[in-house]
């Protein structure tokens, strides 16, 4: 008799957990990307581009000085 009660208890528990209702999650609305987010780092990007331009100018001037020094030395 003890086994029958245990079996009924286990089956009842299994049925109740199988029928448990899952919480409803509403669908996430699709939103378009915020255009102000693109402007968020615009000043930093502009400063970085400006710094890269200065770097190119310095490299070009260095190359010209190197060529002038080689030309003057007779290489």
N, C-alpha and C. Protein backbone atom coordinates (compact mmCIF):
# COMPACT_ATOMS: atom_id res chain seq x y z
N UNK A 1 0.82 -1.20 0.00
CA UNK A 1 0.00 0.00 0.00
C UNK A 1 0.86 1.26 0.00
N UNK A 2 2.01 1.18 0.65
CA UNK A 2 2.86 2.36 0.70
C UNK A 2 3.37 2.70 -0.69
N UNK A 3 3.62 1.69 -1.49
CA UNK A 3 4.14 1.92 -2.84
C UNK A 3 3.08 2.56 -3.73
N UNK A 4 1.83 2.18 -3.55
CA UNK A 4 0.77 2.74 -4.39
C UNK A 4 0.62 4.23 -4.09
N UNK A 5 0.66 4.60 -2.83
CA UNK A 5 0.55 6.02 -2.46
C UNK A 5 1.72 6.82 -3.00
N UNK A 6 2.90 6.25 -2.95
CA UNK A 6 4.09 6.92 -3.48
C UNK A 6 4.00 7.09 -4.99
N UNK A 7 3.53 6.07 -5.68
CA UNK A 7 3.37 6.12 -7.14
C UNK A 7 2.35 7.18 -7.51
N UNK A 8 1.22 7.23 -6.79
CA UNK A 8 0.18 8.23 -7.08
C UNK A 8 0.72 9.62 -6.84
N UNK A 9 1.46 9.79 -5.77
CA UNK A 9 2.05 11.10 -5.47
C UNK A 9 3.02 11.53 -6.56
N UNK A 10 3.87 10.62 -7.03
CA UNK A 10 4.83 10.94 -8.09
C UNK A 10 4.13 11.27 -9.40
N UNK A 11 3.09 10.49 -9.74
CA UNK A 11 2.35 10.76 -10.98
C UNK A 11 1.63 12.11 -10.92
N UNK A 12 1.04 12.41 -9.78
CA UNK A 12 0.34 13.68 -9.62
C UNK A 12 1.33 14.85 -9.74
N UNK A 13 2.47 14.70 -9.12
CA UNK A 13 3.50 15.75 -9.21
C UNK A 13 3.97 15.92 -10.65
N UNK A 14 4.18 14.83 -11.34
CA UNK A 14 4.63 14.90 -12.73
C UNK A 14 3.58 15.57 -13.61
N UNK A 15 2.32 15.24 -13.40
CA UNK A 15 1.25 15.85 -14.20
C UNK A 15 1.12 17.33 -13.92
N UNK A 16 1.21 17.71 -12.66
CA UNK A 16 1.08 19.12 -12.32
C UNK A 16 2.24 19.96 -12.86
N UNK A 17 3.43 19.42 -12.83
CA UNK A 17 4.57 20.17 -13.36
C UNK A 17 4.53 20.23 -14.89
N UNK A 18 3.97 19.20 -15.52
CA UNK A 18 3.87 19.20 -16.98
C UNK A 18 2.84 20.21 -17.45
N UNK A 19 1.83 20.46 -16.67
CA UNK A 19 0.76 21.38 -17.05
C UNK A 19 1.01 22.81 -16.58
N UNK A 20 2.17 23.06 -16.02
CA UNK A 20 2.46 24.40 -15.52
C UNK A 20 2.48 25.39 -16.66
N UNK A 21 1.81 26.51 -16.45
CA UNK A 21 1.73 27.53 -17.49
C UNK A 21 3.00 28.36 -17.48
N UNK A 22 3.57 28.54 -18.64
CA UNK A 22 4.79 29.33 -18.75
C UNK A 22 4.41 30.81 -18.77
N UNK A 23 5.26 31.68 -18.21
CA UNK A 23 4.93 33.11 -18.20
C UNK A 23 4.94 33.67 -19.62
N UNK A 24 4.00 34.57 -19.86
CA UNK A 24 3.88 35.17 -21.18
C UNK A 24 4.91 36.28 -21.34
N UNK A 25 5.63 36.24 -22.43
CA UNK A 25 6.59 37.29 -22.74
C UNK A 25 6.08 38.01 -23.99
N UNK A 26 5.70 39.27 -23.85
CA UNK A 26 5.22 39.98 -25.04
C UNK A 26 6.36 40.17 -26.03
N UNK A 27 6.05 40.20 -27.31
CA UNK A 27 7.11 40.38 -28.31
C UNK A 27 7.75 41.76 -28.16
N UNK A 28 9.03 41.81 -28.42
CA UNK A 28 9.76 43.07 -28.33
C UNK A 28 9.47 43.87 -29.59
N UNK A 29 9.01 45.11 -29.42
CA UNK A 29 8.71 45.91 -30.61
C UNK A 29 9.98 46.26 -31.37
N UNK A 30 9.88 46.22 -32.68
CA UNK A 30 11.02 46.54 -33.53
C UNK A 30 11.14 48.05 -33.62
N UNK A 31 12.25 48.56 -33.19
CA UNK A 31 12.48 50.00 -33.27
C UNK A 31 13.64 50.27 -34.21
N UNK A 32 13.57 51.39 -34.86
CA UNK A 32 14.66 51.76 -35.76
C UNK A 32 15.81 52.31 -34.93
N UNK A 33 17.02 52.16 -35.40
CA UNK A 33 18.16 52.67 -34.63
C UNK A 33 18.05 54.18 -34.43
N UNK A 34 18.46 54.61 -33.28
CA UNK A 34 18.42 56.03 -32.95
C UNK A 34 19.50 56.77 -33.72
N UNK A 35 19.10 57.76 -34.47
CA UNK A 35 20.06 58.48 -35.30
C UNK A 35 20.99 59.35 -34.46
N UNK A 36 20.57 59.69 -33.26
CA UNK A 36 21.44 60.48 -32.40
C UNK A 36 22.61 59.64 -31.90
N UNK A 37 22.46 58.31 -31.92
CA UNK A 37 23.56 57.44 -31.49
C UNK A 37 24.73 57.55 -32.47
N UNK A 38 24.45 57.75 -33.74
CA UNK A 38 25.52 57.90 -34.73
C UNK A 38 26.28 59.20 -34.49
N UNK A 39 25.59 60.20 -33.96
CA UNK A 39 26.22 61.48 -33.70
C UNK A 39 26.98 61.48 -32.38
N UNK A 40 26.82 60.44 -31.61
CA UNK A 40 27.39 60.39 -30.28
C UNK A 40 28.91 60.52 -30.30
N UNK A 41 29.56 59.81 -31.20
CA UNK A 41 31.02 59.81 -31.25
C UNK A 41 31.54 60.61 -32.44
N UNK A 42 30.73 61.41 -33.05
CA UNK A 42 31.15 62.18 -34.22
C UNK A 42 32.34 63.09 -33.93
N UNK A 43 32.34 63.83 -32.82
CA UNK A 43 33.51 64.69 -32.57
C UNK A 43 34.80 63.89 -32.40
N UNK A 44 34.71 62.74 -31.76
CA UNK A 44 35.91 61.92 -31.58
C UNK A 44 36.38 61.37 -32.91
N UNK A 45 35.44 60.97 -33.76
CA UNK A 45 35.82 60.46 -35.08
C UNK A 45 36.48 61.54 -35.91
N UNK A 46 35.92 62.74 -35.84
CA UNK A 46 36.50 63.85 -36.60
C UNK A 46 37.92 64.15 -36.11
N UNK A 47 38.11 64.14 -34.80
CA UNK A 47 39.44 64.39 -34.25
C UNK A 47 40.41 63.29 -34.66
N UNK A 48 39.95 62.05 -34.68
CA UNK A 48 40.80 60.93 -35.09
C UNK A 48 41.19 61.06 -36.56
N UNK A 49 40.22 61.40 -37.41
CA UNK A 49 40.52 61.57 -38.83
C UNK A 49 41.52 62.72 -39.04
N UNK A 50 41.34 63.78 -38.26
CA UNK A 50 42.26 64.92 -38.38
C UNK A 50 43.67 64.51 -37.95
N UNK A 51 43.76 63.74 -36.88
CA UNK A 51 45.06 63.27 -36.40
C UNK A 51 45.71 62.35 -37.43
N UNK A 52 44.92 61.49 -38.06
CA UNK A 52 45.48 60.62 -39.10
C UNK A 52 46.01 61.44 -40.27
N UNK A 53 45.30 62.52 -40.63
CA UNK A 53 45.75 63.40 -41.71
C UNK A 53 47.07 64.07 -41.35
N UNK A 54 47.19 64.51 -40.10
CA UNK A 54 48.44 65.13 -39.65
C UNK A 54 49.56 64.10 -39.68
N UNK A 55 49.25 62.87 -39.29
CA UNK A 55 50.26 61.80 -39.31
C UNK A 55 50.76 61.55 -40.72
N UNK A 56 49.85 61.56 -41.68
CA UNK A 56 50.26 61.35 -43.08
C UNK A 56 51.15 62.50 -43.56
N UNK A 57 50.79 63.71 -43.16
CA UNK A 57 51.58 64.88 -43.55
C UNK A 57 52.99 64.79 -42.97
N UNK A 58 53.09 64.40 -41.71
CA UNK A 58 54.39 64.27 -41.06
C UNK A 58 55.22 63.19 -41.75
N UNK A 59 54.59 62.06 -42.07
CA UNK A 59 55.31 60.97 -42.75
C UNK A 59 55.79 61.43 -44.12
N UNK A 60 54.95 62.17 -44.82
CA UNK A 60 55.34 62.66 -46.15
C UNK A 60 56.51 63.63 -46.04
N UNK A 61 56.48 64.53 -45.06
CA UNK A 61 57.58 65.49 -44.87
C UNK A 61 58.85 64.76 -44.48
N UNK A 62 58.72 63.74 -43.67
CA UNK A 62 59.89 62.94 -43.27
C UNK A 62 60.51 62.25 -44.48
N UNK A 63 59.67 61.70 -45.32
CA UNK A 63 60.15 61.03 -46.53
C UNK A 63 60.86 62.01 -47.45
N UNK A 64 60.29 63.21 -47.57
CA UNK A 64 60.92 64.23 -48.43
C UNK A 64 62.28 64.65 -47.87
N UNK A 65 62.38 64.80 -46.53
CA UNK A 65 63.66 65.16 -45.92
C UNK A 65 64.69 64.06 -46.13
N UNK A 66 64.24 62.81 -46.02
CA UNK A 66 65.14 61.67 -46.22
C UNK A 66 65.67 61.66 -47.65
N UNK A 67 64.77 61.88 -48.60
CA UNK A 67 65.18 61.90 -50.00
C UNK A 67 66.14 63.07 -50.28
N UNK A 68 65.86 64.23 -49.67
CA UNK A 68 66.73 65.38 -49.86
C UNK A 68 68.11 65.13 -49.25
N UNK A 69 68.17 64.47 -48.09
CA UNK A 69 69.43 64.17 -47.45
C UNK A 69 70.24 63.16 -48.28
N UNK A 70 69.57 62.17 -48.83
CA UNK A 70 70.26 61.18 -49.68
C UNK A 70 70.78 61.83 -50.95
N UNK A 71 70.00 62.76 -51.50
CA UNK A 71 70.39 63.44 -52.73
C UNK A 71 71.61 64.35 -52.46
N UNK A 72 71.59 65.01 -51.32
CA UNK A 72 72.70 65.90 -50.96
C UNK A 72 73.97 65.10 -50.65
N UNK A 73 73.79 63.91 -50.08
CA UNK A 73 74.96 63.09 -49.74
C UNK A 73 75.50 62.38 -50.98
N UNK A 74 74.75 62.36 -52.04
CA UNK A 74 75.22 61.77 -53.28
C UNK A 74 74.89 60.29 -53.42
N UNK A 75 73.90 59.81 -52.73
CA UNK A 75 73.52 58.39 -52.86
C UNK A 75 72.74 58.15 -54.08
